[in-house]
Amino acid sequence: MSQQLGTLEDLPEECRAAMTEAGVAPLWPMMRNVLPHGAPNPVTKPGYWNYDAIRPLLIQAGDLTPVEKAERRVLVLSDPGRGAGAMQATASIYLGLQLLLPGETAPAHVHTPSAVRIVVEGKGGFTVVDGEKLPMEEGDLVLTPGGEWHDHGHEGSEPVVWLDALDLPLFVYLEGSYAEEGPLQSQRNRPDASQVEYLSSGLAPVRRPGESARKYPMMRYPWGRTEQALRQMAAYTDGPIELDYVNPETGEAVLPTMGFTAMMIGARDTLEPVLKSSSAAFHVIKGSGHVTINGETLTYGPKDTFTAPVFANMSFSAADETFMVRVHDRPLQEKLGYYEERAR
């Protein structure tokens, strides 16, 4: 394959003008931009958001902007490679920190992108999805899949904050992103499915002939059970301690385009994962330490968030016991048939 391709300037000005008039352009001067050799050339840069620095800004936003004027009171985490205000944390993942104050209600709506909430702090918050009331406790992962009505409320006494992770950039790119609003949902008088049908791993409700489970049968993944499972796995496993969040009926990723993986790194342990074609965001539930991403070293602490582009060279060094949730686009890449891992 040729390494040196012709440039636009190689063409006579008259020829270039005629192409522009005809609404066409030569491929070869642009080919390396869209088909670089060997590996992608991502726009995404490693990002880092310190929760202690952002929290006062969230609280100030709560003082200045009533939820009725915001609909969703969120500070967007913008990819440094795209600049402040970018609605992307990576090419395919949107992140934002959302605040709900005591007594507030975020109105019901439904939209084409899918969202997951990772609860950062506070008690008394809840999300209602398709009539199912989902408590929001620190570390919990709560789904609001695309096409499902949802609203938020707060019955506690302190601010509740969660991290929103959406596949919004995909829908914006496809020009398929939109939302509809509606009245608050009637809540079913029963606990959510994580406390009833799917209380224990490996068990699912019996189905009658012809009866099938809901597309998203379990909307809440309590952190307490996740941490317990990670600790149990760590007691009997050498190497990385990771557990994927999955649909309990199918074993597949919880959403079509985004995956979520719980991670544990022991105190003073190190981790050097293989290079992955998926981009990722990491939210720290507990712990502190250092992470190096493509030569850039960041210091993380509890409730912080950081991102890594595709094929990022990463290494973790935990100062103390660390628990994280990794958000990634592996499910999308596998559906497109190109997910890849490479040795370091």
Foldseek 3Di string as FASTA:
>chain_A
DDPDFDAPVVDDPVVQVVCVVVVHDDCGNCVCQPVPPDAHDFLFDKDWDACVVCVVVLVVLVVVPPCVRVLWSWDWRDGVSVDPPDQDNGLQKTKIKTKDAAFDKRFKKAKQKKKKKAWADDFQKWKAWQQATGGHHHGKIFIRHHPIIMMMHGHDHGMTMIMMMIRVSVCVVVVNIDMDGDGDDHHDPDHFCCVPQVVDQPGGDDDDVPDDADPQNHGMDDVVVVVVVQVVCVVPDPAWRKDWDARRVPRHANYQFKTKMKTKAAAQGKHWDWFKQKKKKKFWQAFWWWKAWQNRIDTDGHGMMMIHHHRIGMMTTTNHITMIMMMIGVSVCVVVPHIDTDGD
